[in-house]
PDB file of N, CA and C in Angstrom:
ATOM      1  N   UNK A   1     147.773 146.556 211.055  1.00  0.00           N
ATOM      2  CA  UNK A   1     146.295 146.832 210.608  1.00  0.00           C
ATOM      3  C   UNK A   1     145.844 145.406 211.129  1.00  0.00           C
ATOM      4  N   UNK A   2     144.604 145.428 211.446  1.00  0.00           N
ATOM      5  CA  UNK A   2     143.910 144.207 212.131  1.00  0.00           C
ATOM      6  C   UNK A   2     142.655 143.771 211.021  1.00  0.00           C
ATOM      7  N   UNK A   3     142.431 142.847 210.775  1.00  0.00           N
ATOM      8  CA  UNK A   3     141.532 142.012 209.927  1.00  0.00           C
ATOM      9  C   UNK A   3     140.434 141.225 210.782  1.00  0.00           C
ATOM     10  N   UNK A   4     139.175 141.170 210.455  1.00  0.00           N
ATOM     11  CA  UNK A   4     138.196 140.643 210.990  1.00  0.00           C
ATOM     12  C   UNK A   4     138.293 139.080 210.840  1.00  0.00           C
ATOM     13  N   UNK A   5     138.376 138.435 211.968  1.00  0.00           N
ATOM     14  CA  UNK A   5     138.787 137.126 212.065  1.00  0.00           C
ATOM     15  C   UNK A   5     140.149 136.556 212.094  1.00  0.00           C
ATOM     16  N   UNK A   6     140.894 137.506 212.260  1.00  0.00           N
ATOM     17  CA  UNK A   6     142.356 137.258 212.259  1.00  0.00           C
ATOM     18  C   UNK A   6     142.938 137.359 213.898  1.00  0.00           C
ATOM     19  N   UNK A   7     143.128 136.324 214.347  1.00  0.00           N
ATOM     20  CA  UNK A   7     143.508 136.049 215.579  1.00  0.00           C
ATOM     21  C   UNK A   7     144.924 135.129 215.695  1.00  0.00           C
ATOM     22  N   UNK A   8     145.510 135.005 216.710  1.00  0.00           N
ATOM     23  CA  UNK A   8     146.744 134.161 216.863  1.00  0.00           C
ATOM     24  C   UNK A   8     146.553 132.881 216.078  1.00  0.00           C
ATOM     25  N   UNK A   9     145.436 132.168 216.519  1.00  0.00           N
ATOM     26  CA  UNK A   9     145.008 130.621 216.077  1.00  0.00           C
ATOM     27  C   UNK A   9     145.079 130.690 214.529  1.00  0.00           C
ATOM     28  N   UNK A  10     144.058 131.472 214.201  1.00  0.00           N
ATOM     29  CA  UNK A  10     143.649 131.402 212.623  1.00  0.00           C
ATOM     30  C   UNK A  10     144.833 131.925 211.647  1.00  0.00           C
ATOM     31  N   UNK A  11     145.773 132.970 212.117  1.00  0.00           N
ATOM     32  CA  UNK A  11     146.903 132.984 211.229  1.00  0.00           C
ATOM     33  C   UNK A  11     148.032 131.901 211.464  1.00  0.00           C
ATOM     34  N   UNK A  12     148.184 131.386 212.475  1.00  0.00           N
ATOM     35  CA  UNK A  12     149.171 130.178 212.662  1.00  0.00           C
ATOM     36  C   UNK A  12     148.713 128.869 211.621  1.00  0.00           C
ATOM     37  N   UNK A  13     147.489 128.835 211.632  1.00  0.00           N
ATOM     38  CA  UNK A  13     146.423 127.562 210.626  1.00  0.00           C
ATOM     39  C   UNK A  13     147.023 128.230 209.472  1.00  0.00           C
ATOM     40  N   UNK A  14     146.782 129.311 208.978  1.00  0.00           N
ATOM     41  CA  UNK A  14     146.993 129.722 207.519  1.00  0.00           C
ATOM     42  C   UNK A  14     148.310 129.532 207.214  1.00  0.00           C
ATOM     43  N   UNK A  15     149.397 130.039 207.861  1.00  0.00           N
ATOM     44  CA  UNK A  15     150.635 130.060 207.658  1.00  0.00           C
ATOM     45  C   UNK A  15     151.428 128.722 207.923  1.00  0.00           C
ATOM     46  N   UNK A  16     150.820 127.644 208.533  1.00  0.00           N
ATOM     47  CA  UNK A  16     151.306 126.490 209.043  1.00  0.00           C
ATOM     48  C   UNK A  16     152.142 125.690 207.473  1.00  0.00           C
ATOM     49  N   UNK A  17     153.131 125.355 207.779  1.00  0.00           N
ATOM     50  CA  UNK A  17     153.824 124.722 206.714  1.00  0.00           C
ATOM     51  C   UNK A  17     153.442 123.184 206.511  1.00  0.00           C
ATOM     52  N   UNK A  18     153.229 122.812 204.930  1.00  0.00           N
ATOM     53  CA  UNK A  18     152.873 121.472 204.762  1.00  0.00           C
ATOM     54  C   UNK A  18     153.990 120.726 204.702  1.00  0.00           C
ATOM     55  N   UNK A  19     153.945 119.457 205.817  1.00  0.00           N
ATOM     56  CA  UNK A  19     154.883 118.450 205.670  1.00  0.00           C
ATOM     57  C   UNK A  19     154.673 117.588 204.418  1.00  0.00           C
ATOM     58  N   UNK A  20     155.806 117.213 203.712  1.00  0.00           N
ATOM     59  CA  UNK A  20     155.828 116.459 202.460  1.00  0.00           C
ATOM     60  C   UNK A  20     156.055 115.023 203.030  1.00  0.00           C
ATOM     61  N   UNK A  21     155.234 113.963 202.305  1.00  0.00           N
ATOM     62  CA  UNK A  21     155.399 112.581 202.493  1.00  0.00           C
ATOM     63  C   UNK A  21     156.714 111.982 202.746  1.00  0.00           C
ATOM     64  N   UNK A  22     157.133 111.091 203.534  1.00  0.00           N
ATOM     65  CA  UNK A  22     158.504 110.544 203.404  1.00  0.00           C
ATOM     66  C   UNK A  22     158.521 109.495 202.308  1.00  0.00           C
ATOM     67  N   UNK A  23     159.814 109.265 201.964  1.00  0.00           N
ATOM     68  CA  UNK A  23     160.109 108.570 201.000  1.00  0.00           C
ATOM     69  C   UNK A  23     161.353 107.888 201.059  1.00  0.00           C
ATOM     70  N   UNK A  24     161.699 106.688 200.623  1.00  0.00           N
ATOM     71  CA  UNK A  24     163.020 106.051 200.492  1.00  0.00           C
ATOM     72  C   UNK A  24     163.164 105.545 198.999  1.00  0.00           C
ATOM     73  N   UNK A  25     164.412 105.897 198.630  1.00  0.00           N
ATOM     74  CA  UNK A  25     164.975 105.600 197.068  1.00  0.00           C
ATOM     75  C   UNK A  25     165.909 104.627 197.103  1.00  0.00           C
ATOM     76  N   UNK A  26     165.871 103.634 196.343  1.00  0.00           N
ATOM     77  CA  UNK A  26     166.832 102.484 196.076  1.00  0.00           C
ATOM     78  C   UNK A  26     167.722 102.900 195.041  1.00  0.00           C
ATOM     79  N   UNK A  27     169.052 103.020 194.964  1.00  0.00           N
ATOM     80  CA  UNK A  27     169.870 103.137 193.751  1.00  0.00           C
ATOM     81  C   UNK A  27     171.018 101.945 193.834  1.00  0.00           C
ATOM     82  N   UNK A  28     171.477 101.769 192.615  1.00  0.00           N
ATOM     83  CA  UNK A  28     172.175 100.834 192.363  1.00  0.00           C
ATOM     84  C   UNK A  28     173.381 100.977 191.352  1.00  0.00           C
ATOM     85  N   UNK A  29     174.573 100.841 191.958  1.00  0.00           N
ATOM     86  CA  UNK A  29     175.711 101.170 191.468  1.00  0.00           C
ATOM     87  C   UNK A  29     176.757  99.939 191.342  1.00  0.00           C
ATOM     88  N   UNK A  30     177.371  99.896 190.176  1.00  0.00           N
ATOM     89  CA  UNK A  30     178.339  98.832 189.954  1.00  0.00           C
ATOM     90  C   UNK A  30     179.258  99.034 188.898  1.00  0.00           C
ATOM     91  N   UNK A  31     180.340  98.352 188.725  1.00  0.00           N
ATOM     92  CA  UNK A  31     181.522  98.511 187.680  1.00  0.00           C
ATOM     93  C   UNK A  31     182.281  97.273 187.763  1.00  0.00           C
ATOM     94  N   UNK A  32     183.133  97.299 186.310  1.00  0.00           N
ATOM     95  CA  UNK A  32     184.031  96.255 186.319  1.00  0.00           C
ATOM     96  C   UNK A  32     185.171  96.769 185.455  1.00  0.00           C
ATOM     97  N   UNK A  33     186.304  96.310 185.729  1.00  0.00           N
ATOM     98  CA  UNK A  33     187.310  96.644 184.776  1.00  0.00           C
ATOM     99  C   UNK A  33     188.195  95.407 184.305  1.00  0.00           C
ATOM    100  N   UNK A  34     188.723  95.665 183.196  1.00  0.00           N
ATOM    101  CA  UNK A  34     189.715  94.291 182.669  1.00  0.00           C
ATOM    102  C   UNK A  34     190.882  94.874 182.256  1.00  0.00           C
ATOM    103  N   UNK A  35     192.124  94.188 182.648  1.00  0.00           N
ATOM    104  CA  UNK A  35     193.447  94.791 182.177  1.00  0.00           C
ATOM    105  C   UNK A  35     193.925  93.530 181.213  1.00  0.00           C
ATOM    106  N   UNK A  36     194.188  93.974 180.163  1.00  0.00           N
ATOM    107  CA  UNK A  36     194.603  93.189 179.006  1.00  0.00           C
ATOM    108  C   UNK A  36     196.087  93.648 178.346  1.00  0.00           C
ATOM    109  N   UNK A  37     197.169  93.167 178.806  1.00  0.00           N
ATOM    110  CA  UNK A  37     198.460  93.554 178.917  1.00  0.00           C
ATOM    111  C   UNK A  37     198.393  94.730 179.496  1.00  0.00           C
ATOM    112  N   UNK A  38     198.674  95.765 178.697  1.00  0.00           N
ATOM    113  CA  UNK A  38     199.035  97.289 179.371  1.00  0.00           C
ATOM    114  C   UNK A  38     197.857  98.106 179.385  1.00  0.00           C
ATOM    115  N   UNK A  39     196.723  97.675 178.601  1.00  0.00           N
ATOM    116  CA  UNK A  39     195.721  98.300 178.493  1.00  0.00           C
ATOM    117  C   UNK A  39     194.544  97.992 179.327  1.00  0.00           C
ATOM    118  N   UNK A  40     193.649  98.969 179.828  1.00  0.00           N
ATOM    119  CA  UNK A  40     192.636  98.763 180.909  1.00  0.00           C
ATOM    120  C   UNK A  40     191.192  99.345 179.952  1.00  0.00           C
ATOM    121  N   UNK A  41     190.332  98.316 180.191  1.00  0.00           N
ATOM    122  CA  UNK A  41     188.976  98.509 179.784  1.00  0.00           C
ATOM    123  C   UNK A  41     188.038  98.293 180.755  1.00  0.00           C
ATOM    124  N   UNK A  42     186.747  99.234 180.768  1.00  0.00           N
ATOM    125  CA  UNK A  42     185.926  99.231 181.846  1.00  0.00           C
ATOM    126  C   UNK A  42     184.566  99.800 181.964  1.00  0.00           C
ATOM    127  N   UNK A  43     183.689  99.325 182.626  1.00  0.00           N
ATOM    128  CA  UNK A  43     182.377  99.714 182.526  1.00  0.00           C
ATOM    129  C   UNK A  43     181.816 100.356 183.996  1.00  0.00           C
ATOM    130  N   UNK A  44     181.163 101.428 184.052  1.00  0.00           N
ATOM    131  CA  UNK A  44     180.459 101.708 185.363  1.00  0.00           C
ATOM    132  C   UNK A  44     179.191 102.183 185.211  1.00  0.00           C
ATOM    133  N   UNK A  45     178.003 101.548 185.761  1.00  0.00           N
ATOM    134  CA  UNK A  45     176.846 101.710 185.493  1.00  0.00           C
ATOM    135  C   UNK A  45     176.197 102.019 186.898  1.00  0.00           C
ATOM    136  N   UNK A  46     175.128 102.969 186.975  1.00  0.00           N
ATOM    137  CA  UNK A  46     174.289 103.502 187.804  1.00  0.00           C
ATOM    138  C   UNK A  46     172.915 103.468 187.598  1.00  0.00           C
ATOM    139  N   UNK A  47     172.115 102.972 188.379  1.00  0.00           N
ATOM    140  CA  UNK A  47     170.648 103.037 188.249  1.00  0.00           C
ATOM    141  C   UNK A  47     170.006 103.768 189.459  1.00  0.00           C
ATOM    142  N   UNK A  48     169.396 105.094 189.362  1.00  0.00           N
ATOM    143  CA  UNK A  48     168.773 105.633 190.464  1.00  0.00           C
ATOM    144  C   UNK A  48     167.427 105.586 190.434  1.00  0.00           C
ATOM    145  N   UNK A  49     166.912 105.481 191.841  1.00  0.00           N
ATOM    146  CA  UNK A  49     165.351 105.437 191.713  1.00  0.00           C
ATOM    147  C   UNK A  49     164.875 104.115 191.113  1.00  0.00           C
ATOM    148  N   UNK A  50     165.385 102.908 191.560  1.00  0.00           N
ATOM    149  CA  UNK A  50     165.024 101.663 191.069  1.00  0.00           C
ATOM    150  C   UNK A  50     163.563 101.325 190.762  1.00  0.00           C
ATOM    151  N   UNK A  51     162.956 101.730 191.934  1.00  0.00           N
ATOM    152  CA  UNK A  51     161.513 101.239 191.867  1.00  0.00           C
ATOM    153  C   UNK A  51     160.652 102.424 191.238  1.00  0.00           C
ATOM    154  N   UNK A  52     161.271 103.427 190.423  1.00  0.00           N
ATOM    155  CA  UNK A  52     160.589 104.542 189.933  1.00  0.00           C
ATOM    156  C   UNK A  52     159.511 105.322 190.813  1.00  0.00           C
ATOM    157  N   UNK A  53     159.931 105.524 192.103  1.00  0.00           N
ATOM    158  CA  UNK A  53     158.968 106.393 192.920  1.00  0.00           C
ATOM    159  C   UNK A  53     158.943 107.580 192.393  1.00  0.00           C
ATOM    160  N   UNK A  54     157.633 108.283 192.411  1.00  0.00           N
ATOM    161  CA  UNK A  54     157.182 109.630 192.425  1.00  0.00           C
ATOM    162  C   UNK A  54     157.306 110.257 193.625  1.00  0.00           C
ATOM    163  N   UNK A  55     157.927 111.384 193.906  1.00  0.00           N
ATOM    164  CA  UNK A  55     158.265 111.990 195.132  1.00  0.00           C
ATOM    165  C   UNK A  55     158.325 113.452 194.996  1.00  0.00           C
ATOM    166  N   UNK A  56     158.067 114.218 195.813  1.00  0.00           N
ATOM    167  CA  UNK A  56     158.070 115.808 196.150  1.00  0.00           C
ATOM    168  C   UNK A  56     159.400 116.214 196.857  1.00  0.00           C
ATOM    169  N   UNK A  57     160.173 116.949 196.356  1.00  0.00           N
ATOM    170  CA  UNK A  57     161.391 117.383 196.950  1.00  0.00           C
ATOM    171  C   UNK A  57     161.404 118.654 197.673  1.00  0.00           C
ATOM    172  N   UNK A  58     160.266 119.384 197.318  1.00  0.00           N
ATOM    173  CA  UNK A  58     160.191 120.703 197.917  1.00  0.00           C
ATOM    174  C   UNK A  58     158.929 121.402 197.069  1.00  0.00           C
ATOM    175  N   UNK A  59     158.896 123.050 197.534  1.00  0.00           N
ATOM    176  CA  UNK A  59     157.848 123.400 196.760  1.00  0.00           C
ATOM    177  C   UNK A  59     157.927 124.967 197.498  1.00  0.00           C
ATOM    178  N   UNK A  60     156.787 125.604 196.711  1.00  0.00           N
ATOM    179  CA  UNK A  60     156.450 127.033 197.468  1.00  0.00           C
ATOM    180  C   UNK A  60     155.190 127.278 196.994  1.00  0.00           C
ATOM    181  N   UNK A  61     154.767 128.118 198.298  1.00  0.00           N
ATOM    182  CA  UNK A  61     153.298 128.639 197.900  1.00  0.00           C
ATOM    183  C   UNK A  61     153.300 130.071 197.117  1.00  0.00           C
ATOM    184  N   UNK A  62     152.332 130.140 196.271  1.00  0.00           N
ATOM    185  CA  UNK A  62     152.342 131.309 195.790  1.00  0.00           C
ATOM    186  C   UNK A  62     151.422 132.531 196.667  1.00  0.00           C
ATOM    187  N   UNK A  63     151.926 133.533 196.952  1.00  0.00           N
ATOM    188  CA  UNK A  63     151.235 134.339 198.091  1.00  0.00           C
ATOM    189  C   UNK A  63     150.836 135.545 197.246  1.00  0.00           C
ATOM    190  N   UNK A  64     149.901 135.541 196.506  1.00  0.00           N
ATOM    191  CA  UNK A  64     149.355 136.645 195.612  1.00  0.00           C
ATOM    192  C   UNK A  64     147.898 137.156 196.124  1.00  0.00           C
ATOM    193  N   UNK A  65     147.616 136.656 197.307  1.00  0.00           N
ATOM    194  CA  UNK A  65     146.394 137.295 197.973  1.00  0.00           C
ATOM    195  C   UNK A  65     146.977 138.052 198.747  1.00  0.00           C
ATOM    196  N   UNK A  66     146.664 139.543 198.913  1.00  0.00           N
ATOM    197  CA  UNK A  66     147.135 140.590 199.372  1.00  0.00           C
ATOM    198  C   UNK A  66     146.760 140.626 200.826  1.00  0.00           C
ATOM    199  N   UNK A  67     145.643 140.306 201.294  1.00  0.00           N
ATOM    200  CA  UNK A  67     145.054 140.674 202.526  1.00  0.00           C
ATOM    201  C   UNK A  67     144.745 139.020 203.124  1.00  0.00           C
ATOM    202  N   UNK A  68     144.490 139.417 204.586  1.00  0.00           N
ATOM    203  CA  UNK A  68     143.982 137.973 205.223  1.00  0.00           C
ATOM    204  C   UNK A  68     142.944 137.368 204.852  1.00  0.00           C
ATOM    205  N   UNK A  69     141.541 138.313 204.949  1.00  0.00           N
ATOM    206  CA  UNK A  69     140.388 137.879 204.197  1.00  0.00           C
ATOM    207  C   UNK A  69     140.507 137.497 202.992  1.00  0.00           C
ATOM    208  N   UNK A  70     141.327 138.097 201.719  1.00  0.00           N
ATOM    209  CA  UNK A  70     141.360 137.588 200.608  1.00  0.00           C
ATOM    210  C   UNK A  70     141.960 135.765 200.723  1.00  0.00           C
ATOM    211  N   UNK A  71     142.890 135.854 201.557  1.00  0.00           N
ATOM    212  CA  UNK A  71     143.538 134.594 201.615  1.00  0.00           C
ATOM    213  C   UNK A  71     142.778 133.526 202.153  1.00  0.00           C
ATOM    214  N   UNK A  72     141.902 133.814 203.254  1.00  0.00           N
ATOM    215  CA  UNK A  72     141.048 132.780 203.849  1.00  0.00           C
ATOM    216  C   UNK A  72     140.021 132.509 202.900  1.00  0.00           C
ATOM    217  N   UNK A  73     139.372 133.584 202.068  1.00  0.00           N
ATOM    218  CA  UNK A  73     138.556 133.159 201.081  1.00  0.00           C
ATOM    219  C   UNK A  73     138.898 132.413 200.113  1.00  0.00           C
ATOM    220  N   UNK A  74     140.348 132.417 199.419  1.00  0.00           N
ATOM    221  CA  UNK A  74     140.772 131.450 198.818  1.00  0.00           C
ATOM    222  C   UNK A  74     140.910 129.942 199.267  1.00  0.00           C
ATOM    223  N   UNK A  75     141.373 129.768 200.493  1.00  0.00           N
ATOM    224  CA  UNK A  75     141.558 128.770 200.944  1.00  0.00           C
ATOM    225  C   UNK A  75     140.244 127.848 201.129  1.00  0.00           C
ATOM    226  N   UNK A  76     139.005 128.511 201.572  1.00  0.00           N
ATOM    227  CA  UNK A  76     137.833 127.638 201.635  1.00  0.00           C
ATOM    228  C   UNK A  76     137.076 127.554 200.554  1.00  0.00           C
ATOM    229  N   UNK A  77     137.486 128.322 199.282  1.00  0.00           N
ATOM    230  CA  UNK A  77     136.639 128.139 197.921  1.00  0.00           C
ATOM    231  C   UNK A  77     136.710 126.627 197.461  1.00  0.00           C
ATOM    232  N   UNK A  78     137.618 125.927 197.900  1.00  0.00           N
ATOM    233  CA  UNK A  78     138.175 124.482 197.408  1.00  0.00           C
ATOM    234  C   UNK A  78     138.688 124.415 196.211  1.00  0.00           C
ATOM    235  N   UNK A  79     139.008 125.412 195.555  1.00  0.00           N
ATOM    236  CA  UNK A  79     139.972 125.610 194.352  1.00  0.00           C
ATOM    237  C   UNK A  79     140.788 126.782 194.737  1.00  0.00           C
ATOM    238  N   UNK A  80     142.119 126.577 194.985  1.00  0.00           N
ATOM    239  CA  UNK A  80     143.029 127.776 195.189  1.00  0.00           C
ATOM    240  C   UNK A  80     143.385 128.558 193.716  1.00  0.00           C
ATOM    241  N   UNK A  81     143.367 129.686 193.763  1.00  0.00           N
ATOM    242  CA  UNK A  81     143.549 130.480 192.684  1.00  0.00           C
ATOM    243  C   UNK A  81     144.929 130.525 192.402  1.00  0.00           C
ATOM    244  N   UNK A  82     146.007 130.561 193.390  1.00  0.00           N
ATOM    245  CA  UNK A  82     147.286 130.521 193.306  1.00  0.00           C
ATOM    246  C   UNK A  82     147.933 129.522 194.494  1.00  0.00           C
ATOM    247  N   UNK A  83     147.423 128.205 194.207  1.00  0.00           N
ATOM    248  CA  UNK A  83     147.923 127.242 195.121  1.00  0.00           C
ATOM    249  C   UNK A  83     149.517 127.037 195.175  1.00  0.00           C
ATOM    250  N   UNK A  84     149.792 125.927 196.035  1.00  0.00           N
ATOM    251  CA  UNK A  84     151.030 125.566 196.066  1.00  0.00           C
ATOM    252  C   UNK A  84     151.906 124.934 194.529  1.00  0.00           C
ATOM    253  N   UNK A  85     153.220 125.104 194.630  1.00  0.00           N
ATOM    254  CA  UNK A  85     153.513 124.426 193.484  1.00  0.00           C
ATOM    255  C   UNK A  85     154.757 123.582 194.044  1.00  0.00           C
ATOM    256  N   UNK A  86     154.948 122.083 193.410  1.00  0.00           N
ATOM    257  CA  UNK A  86     155.772 121.499 193.986  1.00  0.00           C
ATOM    258  C   UNK A  86     157.102 121.021 193.011  1.00  0.00           C
ATOM    259  N   UNK A  87     158.237 120.813 193.459  1.00  0.00           N
ATOM    260  CA  UNK A  87     159.326 120.147 192.758  1.00  0.00           C
ATOM    261  C   UNK A  87     159.152 118.638 192.869  1.00  0.00           C
ATOM    262  N   UNK A  88     159.360 117.913 191.664  1.00  0.00           N
ATOM    263  CA  UNK A  88     159.295 116.705 191.878  1.00  0.00           C
ATOM    264  C   UNK A  88     160.747 115.959 191.568  1.00  0.00           C
ATOM    265  N   UNK A  89     161.108 115.006 192.069  1.00  0.00           N
ATOM    266  CA  UNK A  89     162.408 114.386 191.790  1.00  0.00           C
ATOM    267  C   UNK A  89     162.214 113.587 190.228  1.00  0.00           C
ATOM    268  N   UNK A  90     163.387 113.034 190.019  1.00  0.00           N
ATOM    269  CA  UNK A  90     163.182 112.473 188.687  1.00  0.00           C
ATOM    270  C   UNK A  90     162.875 110.978 188.867  1.00  0.00           C
ATOM    271  N   UNK A  91     162.228 110.344 187.839  1.00  0.00           N
ATOM    272  CA  UNK A  91     161.867 108.977 187.877  1.00  0.00           C
ATOM    273  C   UNK A  91     163.066 108.033 187.892  1.00  0.00           C
ATOM    274  N   UNK A  92     163.250 106.944 187.215  1.00  0.00           N
ATOM    275  CA  UNK A  92     164.244 105.897 187.277  1.00  0.00           C
ATOM    276  C   UNK A  92     165.125 106.542 186.278  1.00  0.00           C
ATOM    277  N   UNK A  93     166.515 106.643 186.541  1.00  0.00           N
ATOM    278  CA  UNK A  93     167.335 107.178 185.553  1.00  0.00           C
ATOM    279  C   UNK A  93     168.581 106.303 185.513  1.00  0.00           C
ATOM    280  N   UNK A  94     169.566 106.440 184.482  1.00  0.00           N
ATOM    281  CA  UNK A  94     170.655 105.464 184.124  1.00  0.00           C
ATOM    282  C   UNK A  94     171.845 106.221 183.862  1.00  0.00           C
ATOM    283  N   UNK A  95     172.952 105.799 184.050  1.00  0.00           N
ATOM    284  CA  UNK A  95     174.036 106.164 183.630  1.00  0.00           C
ATOM    285  C   UNK A  95     175.041 105.140 183.610  1.00  0.00           C
ATOM    286  N   UNK A  96     175.772 105.313 182.163  1.00  0.00           N
ATOM    287  CA  UNK A  96     176.734 104.196 181.906  1.00  0.00           C
ATOM    288  C   UNK A  96     177.898 104.955 181.415  1.00  0.00           C
ATOM    289  N   UNK A  97     178.998 104.597 182.139  1.00  0.00           N
ATOM    290  CA  UNK A  97     180.381 105.085 181.666  1.00  0.00           C
ATOM    291  C   UNK A  97     181.199 103.999 181.188  1.00  0.00           C
ATOM    292  N   UNK A  98     181.711 104.091 179.947  1.00  0.00           N
ATOM    293  CA  UNK A  98     182.524 103.058 179.217  1.00  0.00           C
ATOM    294  C   UNK A  98     184.062 103.804 179.172  1.00  0.00           C
ATOM    295  N   UNK A  99     185.147 103.240 179.543  1.00  0.00           N
ATOM    296  CA  UNK A  99     186.376 103.816 179.515  1.00  0.00           C
ATOM    297  C   UNK A  99     187.410 102.824 178.907  1.00  0.00           C
ATOM    298  N   UNK A 100     188.332 103.309 178.336  1.00  0.00           N
ATOM    299  CA  UNK A 100     189.579 102.627 177.807  1.00  0.00           C
ATOM    300  C   UNK A 100     190.916 103.463 178.178  1.00  0.00           C
ATOM    301  N   UNK A 101     191.763 103.005 178.482  1.00  0.00           N
ATOM    302  CA  UNK A 101     193.237 103.535 178.831  1.00  0.00           C
ATOM    303  C   UNK A 101     194.030 102.793 178.074  1.00  0.00           C
ATOM    304  N   UNK A 102     194.656 103.256 177.241  1.00  0.00           N
ATOM    305  CA  UNK A 102     195.733 102.653 176.201  1.00  0.00           C
ATOM    306  C   UNK A 102     197.214 103.095 176.327  1.00  0.00           C
TER     307      UNK A 102
END
């Protein structure tokens, strides 16, 4: 089925995938253990996303517009009725593990 204004160029433009911004995360990991006689005590610490960067990890576009003209109208309206949804990574996170071996 053909729609008015639908040609290869306009369809490619509508279907073009969005490229997400690049990002770099800094994570810190460290640990220490102590042996006292036959017992071992230790701590292991991790901090992920040290600089608390907000970043998109992926997403999807909701395709609730059934026809090409409806989708084109939705794109030019300025406010998408069913715009893309994104998945975001966690902010700064911490993990602490204490262990004792007797």
